[in-house]
Amino acid sequence: MTAEEYNRCVDEHSDGIYRFILKNIRDTETAMDIVQDTFEKLWRKFREVQYARAKSYLFTTAYHTMIDVIRKEKYQAGWKEGMESGLSEGGHYTGLKEILDEGLKRLPEIQRSVILLRDYEGYSYQEIGEITGLNESQVKVYIFRARNFLKNYIGKPEYVI
């Protein structure tokens, strides 16, 4: 990969990676750090990564970096309590987006990741498998379970709106 191709990767994929990470961890500073770490890792391996495979490499690296950060922060005091205390705002919802966001927060980490990659970023099952290290069947099962949970969590849209 050339420096020009690397710069194109930054321009083309940084926003998508940021959105994906932010939807998972809900912390803008940490999301920006993960995106930066991801592109730093790409720069270190720019000779090994082909431009055509850069998007997959970037999302895979960002996903694994995010998992590492989450694991590290779980061991630090207060991270989980801070996330949970920020979830409740009185229990009053004004729309479907808020309920959907709350439902996404309640999903297990892997289900949230695959549903965001599929429904928000538009990746195929095979690409999601490459990014997360799962096989295609596992990806489909996790997406199915996540969608069922969200459907049950949301309920009927006419009751929400």
N, C-alpha and C. Protein backbone atom coordinates (compact mmCIF):
# COMPACT_ATOMS: atom_id res chain seq x y z
N MET A 1 0.85 -1.17 0.00
CA MET A 1 0.00 0.00 0.00
C MET A 1 0.90 1.24 0.00
N THR A 2 0.52 2.19 -0.79
CA THR A 2 1.29 3.43 -0.86
C THR A 2 0.74 4.43 0.16
N ALA A 3 1.48 5.50 0.37
CA ALA A 3 1.03 6.56 1.29
C ALA A 3 -0.27 7.19 0.77
N GLU A 4 -0.38 7.33 -0.53
CA GLU A 4 -1.59 7.90 -1.13
C GLU A 4 -2.79 6.98 -0.87
N GLU A 5 -2.61 5.68 -1.02
CA GLU A 5 -3.69 4.74 -0.75
C GLU A 5 -4.05 4.74 0.74
N TYR A 6 -3.05 4.87 1.59
CA TYR A 6 -3.31 4.95 3.03
C TYR A 6 -4.17 6.18 3.33
N ASN A 7 -3.82 7.31 2.77
CA ASN A 7 -4.60 8.54 2.99
C ASN A 7 -6.03 8.39 2.47
N ARG A 8 -6.19 7.68 1.35
CA ARG A 8 -7.52 7.41 0.83
C ARG A 8 -8.32 6.54 1.80
N CYS A 9 -7.65 5.57 2.39
CA CYS A 9 -8.30 4.71 3.39
C CYS A 9 -8.80 5.54 4.57
N VAL A 10 -7.98 6.46 5.02
CA VAL A 10 -8.38 7.31 6.14
C VAL A 10 -9.63 8.11 5.74
N ASP A 11 -9.61 8.70 4.57
CA ASP A 11 -10.74 9.51 4.10
C ASP A 11 -12.01 8.68 3.93
N GLU A 12 -11.86 7.47 3.40
CA GLU A 12 -13.02 6.66 3.05
C GLU A 12 -13.61 5.90 4.24
N HIS A 13 -12.78 5.50 5.20
CA HIS A 13 -13.26 4.55 6.20
C HIS A 13 -13.27 5.06 7.64
N SER A 14 -12.65 6.18 7.91
CA SER A 14 -12.56 6.62 9.30
C SER A 14 -13.93 6.91 9.91
N ASP A 15 -14.83 7.53 9.16
CA ASP A 15 -16.16 7.84 9.69
C ASP A 15 -16.95 6.57 10.00
N GLY A 16 -16.89 5.60 9.10
CA GLY A 16 -17.61 4.34 9.31
C GLY A 16 -17.09 3.57 10.52
N ILE A 17 -15.79 3.54 10.67
CA ILE A 17 -15.20 2.86 11.83
C ILE A 17 -15.59 3.59 13.11
N TYR A 18 -15.53 4.90 13.08
CA TYR A 18 -15.90 5.69 14.26
C TYR A 18 -17.35 5.42 14.66
N ARG A 19 -18.27 5.43 13.69
CA ARG A 19 -19.68 5.17 13.99
C ARG A 19 -19.87 3.78 14.60
N PHE A 20 -19.19 2.80 14.01
CA PHE A 20 -19.30 1.42 14.50
C PHE A 20 -18.82 1.32 15.94
N ILE A 21 -17.67 1.88 16.24
CA ILE A 21 -17.11 1.81 17.58
C ILE A 21 -17.98 2.61 18.55
N LEU A 22 -18.39 3.80 18.16
CA LEU A 22 -19.20 4.65 19.04
C LEU A 22 -20.53 3.98 19.39
N LYS A 23 -21.16 3.31 18.44
CA LYS A 23 -22.42 2.61 18.72
C LYS A 23 -22.21 1.50 19.74
N ASN A 24 -21.02 0.92 19.75
CA ASN A 24 -20.73 -0.17 20.67
C ASN A 24 -20.37 0.30 22.06
N ILE A 25 -19.57 1.35 22.17
CA ILE A 25 -19.05 1.71 23.49
C ILE A 25 -19.61 3.01 24.05
N ARG A 26 -20.23 3.84 23.23
CA ARG A 26 -20.90 5.06 23.69
C ARG A 26 -19.98 6.04 24.41
N ASP A 27 -18.75 6.13 23.98
CA ASP A 27 -17.80 7.07 24.57
C ASP A 27 -17.00 7.68 23.42
N THR A 28 -17.23 8.96 23.15
CA THR A 28 -16.63 9.59 21.98
C THR A 28 -15.10 9.62 22.06
N GLU A 29 -14.57 9.92 23.23
CA GLU A 29 -13.11 9.99 23.36
C GLU A 29 -12.46 8.63 23.11
N THR A 30 -13.02 7.60 23.73
CA THR A 30 -12.47 6.26 23.55
C THR A 30 -12.63 5.81 22.10
N ALA A 31 -13.76 6.13 21.49
CA ALA A 31 -13.99 5.76 20.09
C ALA A 31 -12.95 6.42 19.18
N MET A 32 -12.67 7.70 19.43
CA MET A 32 -11.66 8.38 18.62
C MET A 32 -10.28 7.76 18.83
N ASP A 33 -9.97 7.38 20.07
CA ASP A 33 -8.69 6.73 20.35
C ASP A 33 -8.57 5.39 19.63
N ILE A 34 -9.66 4.63 19.62
CA ILE A 34 -9.64 3.32 18.95
C ILE A 34 -9.45 3.51 17.45
N VAL A 35 -10.14 4.48 16.87
CA VAL A 35 -9.97 4.74 15.43
C VAL A 35 -8.52 5.13 15.14
N GLN A 36 -7.96 5.98 15.96
CA GLN A 36 -6.57 6.39 15.76
C GLN A 36 -5.62 5.21 15.90
N ASP A 37 -5.84 4.37 16.92
CA ASP A 37 -5.01 3.18 17.09
C ASP A 37 -5.12 2.25 15.89
N THR A 38 -6.32 2.14 15.36
CA THR A 38 -6.56 1.28 14.20
C THR A 38 -5.75 1.75 13.00
N PHE A 39 -5.79 3.04 12.73
CA PHE A 39 -5.04 3.56 11.58
C PHE A 39 -3.54 3.52 11.83
N GLU A 40 -3.14 3.65 13.09
CA GLU A 40 -1.71 3.50 13.41
C GLU A 40 -1.25 2.07 13.12
N LYS A 41 -2.08 1.10 13.46
CA LYS A 41 -1.73 -0.30 13.19
C LYS A 41 -1.67 -0.57 11.69
N LEU A 42 -2.58 0.06 10.94
CA LEU A 42 -2.53 -0.09 9.49
C LEU A 42 -1.25 0.52 8.95
N TRP A 43 -0.86 1.68 9.46
CA TRP A 43 0.35 2.33 8.98
C TRP A 43 1.58 1.46 9.25
N ARG A 44 1.61 0.80 10.39
CA ARG A 44 2.74 -0.07 10.72
C ARG A 44 2.82 -1.27 9.79
N LYS A 45 1.69 -1.68 9.23
CA LYS A 45 1.66 -2.85 8.35
C LYS A 45 1.30 -2.48 6.91
N PHE A 46 1.55 -1.25 6.53
CA PHE A 46 1.10 -0.80 5.21
C PHE A 46 1.73 -1.59 4.07
N ARG A 47 2.90 -2.15 4.27
CA ARG A 47 3.53 -2.96 3.22
C ARG A 47 2.86 -4.32 3.08
N GLU A 48 2.25 -4.80 4.16
CA GLU A 48 1.65 -6.13 4.16
C GLU A 48 0.18 -6.12 3.73
N VAL A 49 -0.51 -4.99 3.92
CA VAL A 49 -1.94 -4.91 3.65
C VAL A 49 -2.16 -4.34 2.26
N GLN A 50 -2.94 -5.05 1.46
CA GLN A 50 -3.27 -4.55 0.13
C GLN A 50 -4.42 -3.54 0.25
N TYR A 51 -4.41 -2.58 -0.63
CA TYR A 51 -5.43 -1.53 -0.59
C TYR A 51 -6.83 -2.13 -0.74
N ALA A 52 -6.98 -3.14 -1.57
CA ALA A 52 -8.30 -3.74 -1.80
C ALA A 52 -8.84 -4.40 -0.54
N ARG A 53 -7.99 -4.84 0.36
CA ARG A 53 -8.39 -5.51 1.59
C ARG A 53 -8.33 -4.59 2.81
N ALA A 54 -8.05 -3.32 2.60
CA ALA A 54 -7.84 -2.40 3.71
C ALA A 54 -9.09 -2.21 4.55
N LYS A 55 -10.26 -2.12 3.93
CA LYS A 55 -11.50 -1.89 4.70
C LYS A 55 -11.74 -3.04 5.66
N SER A 56 -11.62 -4.24 5.19
CA SER A 56 -11.81 -5.41 6.05
C SER A 56 -10.76 -5.43 7.16
N TYR A 57 -9.52 -5.14 6.81
CA TYR A 57 -8.45 -5.10 7.81
C TYR A 57 -8.75 -4.04 8.87
N LEU A 58 -9.19 -2.87 8.44
CA LEU A 58 -9.46 -1.78 9.38
C LEU A 58 -10.59 -2.12 10.35
N PHE A 59 -11.71 -2.67 9.84
CA PHE A 59 -12.82 -3.00 10.72
C PHE A 59 -12.45 -4.15 11.65
N THR A 60 -11.71 -5.11 11.16
CA THR A 60 -11.26 -6.22 12.00
C THR A 60 -10.36 -5.70 13.11
N THR A 61 -9.41 -4.87 12.76
CA THR A 61 -8.48 -4.30 13.74
C THR A 61 -9.22 -3.42 14.74
N ALA A 62 -10.15 -2.61 14.26
CA ALA A 62 -10.92 -1.75 15.15
C ALA A 62 -11.75 -2.59 16.12
N TYR A 63 -12.36 -3.64 15.62
CA TYR A 63 -13.17 -4.51 16.46
C TYR A 63 -12.32 -5.13 17.57
N HIS A 64 -11.16 -5.68 17.20
CA HIS A 64 -10.30 -6.32 18.19
C HIS A 64 -9.71 -5.30 19.16
N THR A 65 -9.39 -4.13 18.68
CA THR A 65 -8.90 -3.07 19.56
C THR A 65 -9.99 -2.66 20.55
N MET A 66 -11.22 -2.56 20.07
CA MET A 66 -12.34 -2.22 20.94
C MET A 66 -12.53 -3.29 22.02
N ILE A 67 -12.45 -4.54 21.64
CA ILE A 67 -12.58 -5.63 22.61
C ILE A 67 -11.48 -5.54 23.65
N ASP A 68 -10.26 -5.27 23.22
CA ASP A 68 -9.15 -5.13 24.16
C ASP A 68 -9.38 -3.98 25.14
N VAL A 69 -9.87 -2.86 24.63
CA VAL A 69 -10.13 -1.69 25.48
C VAL A 69 -11.24 -2.01 26.48
N ILE A 70 -12.29 -2.67 26.02
CA ILE A 70 -13.40 -3.02 26.91
C ILE A 70 -12.92 -3.95 28.01
N ARG A 71 -12.15 -4.95 27.65
CA ARG A 71 -11.63 -5.88 28.65
C ARG A 71 -10.74 -5.18 29.66
N LYS A 72 -9.89 -4.29 29.16
CA LYS A 72 -9.00 -3.56 30.04
C LYS A 72 -9.79 -2.67 31.00
N GLU A 73 -10.78 -1.98 30.48
CA GLU A 73 -11.55 -1.06 31.30
C GLU A 73 -12.48 -1.77 32.28
N LYS A 74 -12.88 -3.00 31.97
CA LYS A 74 -13.73 -3.75 32.90
C LYS A 74 -12.98 -4.04 34.19
N TYR A 75 -11.67 -4.16 34.09
CA TYR A 75 -10.87 -4.42 35.28
C TYR A 75 -10.62 -3.16 36.09
N GLN A 76 -10.80 -2.04 35.48
CA GLN A 76 -10.61 -0.78 36.20
C GLN A 76 -11.90 -0.42 36.93
N ALA A 77 -11.76 0.09 38.11
CA ALA A 77 -12.93 0.38 38.95
C ALA A 77 -13.80 1.46 38.34
N GLY A 78 -15.11 1.26 38.45
CA GLY A 78 -16.06 2.28 38.08
C GLY A 78 -16.53 2.29 36.65
N TRP A 79 -15.92 1.56 35.75
CA TRP A 79 -16.33 1.64 34.34
C TRP A 79 -17.75 1.13 34.17
N LYS A 80 -18.01 -0.04 34.69
CA LYS A 80 -19.33 -0.62 34.49
C LYS A 80 -20.40 0.19 35.22
N GLU A 81 -20.11 0.66 36.42
CA GLU A 81 -21.09 1.45 37.15
C GLU A 81 -21.40 2.75 36.41
N GLY A 82 -20.39 3.36 35.81
CA GLY A 82 -20.60 4.59 35.06
C GLY A 82 -21.50 4.38 33.86
N MET A 83 -21.30 3.26 33.17
CA MET A 83 -22.15 2.95 32.01
C MET A 83 -23.59 2.70 32.45
N GLU A 84 -23.79 1.94 33.51
CA GLU A 84 -25.14 1.60 33.94
C GLU A 84 -25.88 2.81 34.50
N SER A 85 -25.17 3.67 35.21
CA SER A 85 -25.85 4.84 35.76
C SER A 85 -26.26 5.80 34.66
N GLY A 86 -25.54 5.81 33.53
CA GLY A 86 -25.91 6.68 32.43
C GLY A 86 -27.05 6.14 31.59
N LEU A 87 -27.44 4.87 31.82
CA LEU A 87 -28.49 4.27 31.01
C LEU A 87 -29.88 4.74 31.42
N SER A 88 -30.10 4.96 32.68
CA SER A 88 -31.46 5.29 33.11
C SER A 88 -31.62 6.81 33.21
N GLU A 89 -32.64 7.28 32.55
CA GLU A 89 -32.93 8.70 32.55
C GLU A 89 -34.39 8.93 32.97
N GLY A 90 -34.86 8.13 33.88
CA GLY A 90 -36.23 8.31 34.33
C GLY A 90 -37.21 7.35 33.70
N GLY A 91 -36.79 6.54 32.74
CA GLY A 91 -37.67 5.55 32.14
C GLY A 91 -38.68 6.10 31.16
N HIS A 92 -38.59 7.35 30.76
CA HIS A 92 -39.54 7.94 29.83
C HIS A 92 -38.88 8.05 28.46
N TYR A 93 -39.54 7.48 27.45
CA TYR A 93 -38.99 7.49 26.10
C TYR A 93 -39.87 8.34 25.21
N THR A 94 -39.22 9.01 24.27
CA THR A 94 -39.97 9.88 23.38
C THR A 94 -40.05 9.33 21.97
N GLY A 95 -39.35 8.26 21.68
CA GLY A 95 -39.42 7.76 20.33
C GLY A 95 -38.73 6.42 20.17
N LEU A 96 -38.90 5.88 18.98
CA LEU A 96 -38.37 4.56 18.66
C LEU A 96 -36.85 4.53 18.68
N LYS A 97 -36.20 5.61 18.24
CA LYS A 97 -34.74 5.63 18.22
C LYS A 97 -34.16 5.45 19.62
N GLU A 98 -34.73 6.13 20.60
CA GLU A 98 -34.24 6.00 21.97
C GLU A 98 -34.42 4.59 22.50
N ILE A 99 -35.57 3.98 22.18
CA ILE A 99 -35.83 2.62 22.64
C ILE A 99 -34.88 1.66 21.94
N LEU A 100 -34.66 1.87 20.64
CA LEU A 100 -33.74 1.01 19.90
C LEU A 100 -32.32 1.14 20.44
N ASP A 101 -31.89 2.35 20.71
CA ASP A 101 -30.56 2.56 21.30
C ASP A 101 -30.43 1.88 22.65
N GLU A 102 -31.47 1.99 23.45
CA GLU A 102 -31.46 1.32 24.77
C GLU A 102 -31.42 -0.19 24.60
N GLY A 103 -32.17 -0.71 23.63
CA GLY A 103 -32.15 -2.15 23.35
C GLY A 103 -30.77 -2.61 22.89
N LEU A 104 -30.11 -1.81 22.05
CA LEU A 104 -28.76 -2.16 21.60
C LEU A 104 -27.79 -2.22 22.78
N LYS A 105 -27.95 -1.32 23.73
CA LYS A 105 -27.08 -1.31 24.90
C LYS A 105 -27.24 -2.58 25.73
N ARG A 106 -28.43 -3.16 25.70
CA ARG A 106 -28.71 -4.34 26.52
C ARG A 106 -28.29 -5.64 25.86
N LEU A 107 -27.94 -5.60 24.60
CA LEU A 107 -27.49 -6.81 23.90
C LEU A 107 -26.11 -7.22 24.40
N PRO A 108 -25.84 -8.52 24.36
CA PRO A 108 -24.46 -8.95 24.64
C PRO A 108 -23.52 -8.33 23.61
N GLU A 109 -22.29 -8.15 24.00
CA GLU A 109 -21.30 -7.45 23.18
C GLU A 109 -21.20 -8.00 21.75
N ILE A 110 -21.14 -9.31 21.59
CA ILE A 110 -20.97 -9.90 20.26
C ILE A 110 -22.21 -9.69 19.40
N GLN A 111 -23.40 -9.82 20.00
CA GLN A 111 -24.63 -9.60 19.24
C GLN A 111 -24.74 -8.15 18.79
N ARG A 112 -24.40 -7.23 19.67
CA ARG A 112 -24.44 -5.81 19.32
C ARG A 112 -23.48 -5.53 18.17
N SER A 113 -22.29 -6.11 18.23
CA SER A 113 -21.30 -5.87 17.18
C SER A 113 -21.77 -6.38 15.83
N VAL A 114 -22.28 -7.61 15.79
CA VAL A 114 -22.68 -8.17 14.49
C VAL A 114 -23.91 -7.46 13.94
N ILE A 115 -24.84 -7.07 14.80
CA ILE A 115 -26.04 -6.38 14.31
C ILE A 115 -25.68 -4.99 13.77
N LEU A 116 -24.73 -4.33 14.42
CA LEU A 116 -24.30 -3.02 13.93
C LEU A 116 -23.54 -3.16 12.61
N LEU A 117 -22.68 -4.16 12.50
CA LEU A 117 -21.96 -4.37 11.25
C LEU A 117 -22.91 -4.70 10.10
N ARG A 118 -23.93 -5.49 10.39
CA ARG A 118 -24.86 -5.90 9.34
C ARG A 118 -25.85 -4.79 8.99
N ASP A 119 -26.56 -4.27 9.99
CA ASP A 119 -27.68 -3.37 9.72
C ASP A 119 -27.28 -1.90 9.63
N TYR A 120 -26.20 -1.51 10.29
CA TYR A 120 -25.78 -0.11 10.24
C TYR A 120 -24.70 0.11 9.18
N GLU A 121 -23.77 -0.84 9.06
CA GLU A 121 -22.66 -0.66 8.14
C GLU A 121 -22.84 -1.41 6.82
N GLY A 122 -23.76 -2.38 6.77
CA GLY A 122 -24.09 -3.06 5.52
C GLY A 122 -23.12 -4.15 5.10
N TYR A 123 -22.40 -4.72 6.03
CA TYR A 123 -21.47 -5.80 5.69
C TYR A 123 -22.22 -7.10 5.43
N SER A 124 -21.63 -7.96 4.59
CA SER A 124 -22.19 -9.28 4.35
C SER A 124 -21.86 -10.19 5.53
N TYR A 125 -22.54 -11.33 5.60
CA TYR A 125 -22.28 -12.28 6.68
C TYR A 125 -20.82 -12.74 6.66
N GLN A 126 -20.32 -12.98 5.47
CA GLN A 126 -18.92 -13.44 5.33
C GLN A 126 -17.95 -12.37 5.83
N GLU A 127 -18.17 -11.12 5.46
CA GLU A 127 -17.30 -10.03 5.91
C GLU A 127 -17.36 -9.86 7.42
N ILE A 128 -18.56 -9.99 7.99
CA ILE A 128 -18.70 -9.89 9.44
C ILE A 128 -17.92 -11.01 10.11
N GLY A 129 -17.99 -12.20 9.53
CA GLY A 129 -17.24 -13.33 10.06
C GLY A 129 -15.74 -13.06 10.05
N GLU A 130 -15.26 -12.46 8.99
CA GLU A 130 -13.83 -12.13 8.90
C GLU A 130 -13.44 -11.09 9.96
N ILE A 131 -14.31 -10.12 10.16
CA ILE A 131 -14.01 -9.05 11.11
C ILE A 131 -14.01 -9.57 12.54
N THR A 132 -15.01 -10.39 12.88
CA THR A 132 -15.18 -10.83 14.26
C THR A 132 -14.49 -12.16 14.57
N GLY A 133 -14.07 -12.89 13.55
CA GLY A 133 -13.44 -14.19 13.78
C GLY A 133 -14.46 -15.30 13.96
N LEU A 134 -15.72 -15.07 13.61
CA LEU A 134 -16.76 -16.07 13.71
C LEU A 134 -16.99 -16.70 12.34
N ASN A 135 -17.59 -17.90 12.33
CA ASN A 135 -17.95 -18.44 11.03
C ASN A 135 -19.31 -17.88 10.62
N GLU A 136 -19.66 -18.07 9.37
CA GLU A 136 -20.86 -17.44 8.82
C GLU A 136 -22.13 -17.90 9.55
N SER A 137 -22.19 -19.17 9.94
CA SER A 137 -23.36 -19.67 10.67
C SER A 137 -23.50 -18.99 12.03
N GLN A 138 -22.40 -18.81 12.73
CA GLN A 138 -22.45 -18.13 14.02
C GLN A 138 -22.93 -16.69 13.86
N VAL A 139 -22.45 -16.03 12.81
CA VAL A 139 -22.86 -14.65 12.55
C VAL A 139 -24.37 -14.59 12.35
N LYS A 140 -24.91 -15.51 11.55
CA LYS A 140 -26.35 -15.52 11.29
C LYS A 140 -27.15 -15.77 12.57
N VAL A 141 -26.66 -16.68 13.40
CA VAL A 141 -27.35 -16.99 14.66
C VAL A 141 -27.35 -15.77 15.57
N TYR A 142 -26.20 -15.11 15.72
CA TYR A 142 -26.13 -13.93 16.58
C TYR A 142 -27.01 -12.80 16.07
N ILE A 143 -27.05 -12.61 14.77
CA ILE A 143 -27.91 -11.57 14.19
C ILE A 143 -29.38 -11.91 14.43
N PHE A 144 -29.74 -13.18 14.23
CA PHE A 144 -31.11 -13.61 14.46
C PHE A 144 -31.52 -13.37 15.91
N ARG A 145 -30.66 -13.77 16.83
CA ARG A 145 -30.97 -13.59 18.25
C ARG A 145 -31.07 -12.11 18.63
N ALA A 146 -30.16 -11.31 18.08
CA ALA A 146 -30.19 -9.87 18.38
C ALA A 146 -31.46 -9.23 17.84
N ARG A 147 -31.83 -9.59 16.63
CA ARG A 147 -33.05 -9.02 16.04
C ARG A 147 -34.29 -9.45 16.83
N ASN A 148 -34.33 -10.71 17.25
CA ASN A 148 -35.47 -11.17 18.06
C ASN A 148 -35.53 -10.42 19.38
N PHE A 149 -34.40 -10.25 20.02
CA PHE A 149 -34.37 -9.51 21.28
C PHE A 149 -34.88 -8.09 21.07
N LEU A 150 -34.37 -7.43 20.02
CA LEU A 150 -34.77 -6.04 19.77
C LEU A 150 -36.26 -5.95 19.43
N LYS A 151 -36.75 -6.92 18.67
CA LYS A 151 -38.18 -6.94 18.32
C LYS A 151 -39.02 -7.07 19.59
N ASN A 152 -38.64 -7.97 20.47
CA ASN A 152 -39.39 -8.14 21.71
C ASN A 152 -39.21 -6.96 22.65
N TYR A 153 -38.03 -6.38 22.64
CA TYR A 153 -37.76 -5.24 23.51
C TYR A 153 -38.57 -4.02 23.08
N ILE A 154 -38.63 -3.79 21.79
CA ILE A 154 -39.35 -2.62 21.27
C ILE A 154 -40.85 -2.81 21.41
N GLY A 155 -41.33 -4.01 21.12
CA GLY A 155 -42.77 -4.24 21.14
C GLY A 155 -43.38 -3.74 19.86
N LYS A 156 -44.64 -3.42 19.89
CA LYS A 156 -45.32 -2.93 18.70
C LYS A 156 -45.06 -1.45 18.53
N PRO A 157 -44.62 -1.02 17.35
CA PRO A 157 -44.30 0.38 17.12
C PRO A 157 -45.46 1.35 17.41
N GLU A 158 -46.69 0.91 17.20
CA GLU A 158 -47.80 1.84 17.45
C GLU A 158 -47.94 2.18 18.94
N TYR A 159 -47.43 1.33 19.83
CA TYR A 159 -47.44 1.64 21.25
C TYR A 159 -46.33 2.61 21.63
N VAL A 160 -45.30 2.66 20.81
CA VAL A 160 -44.15 3.51 21.12
C VAL A 160 -44.39 4.94 20.68
N ILE A 161 -44.98 5.09 19.50
CA ILE A 161 -45.10 6.42 18.90
C ILE A 161 -46.34 7.13 19.33
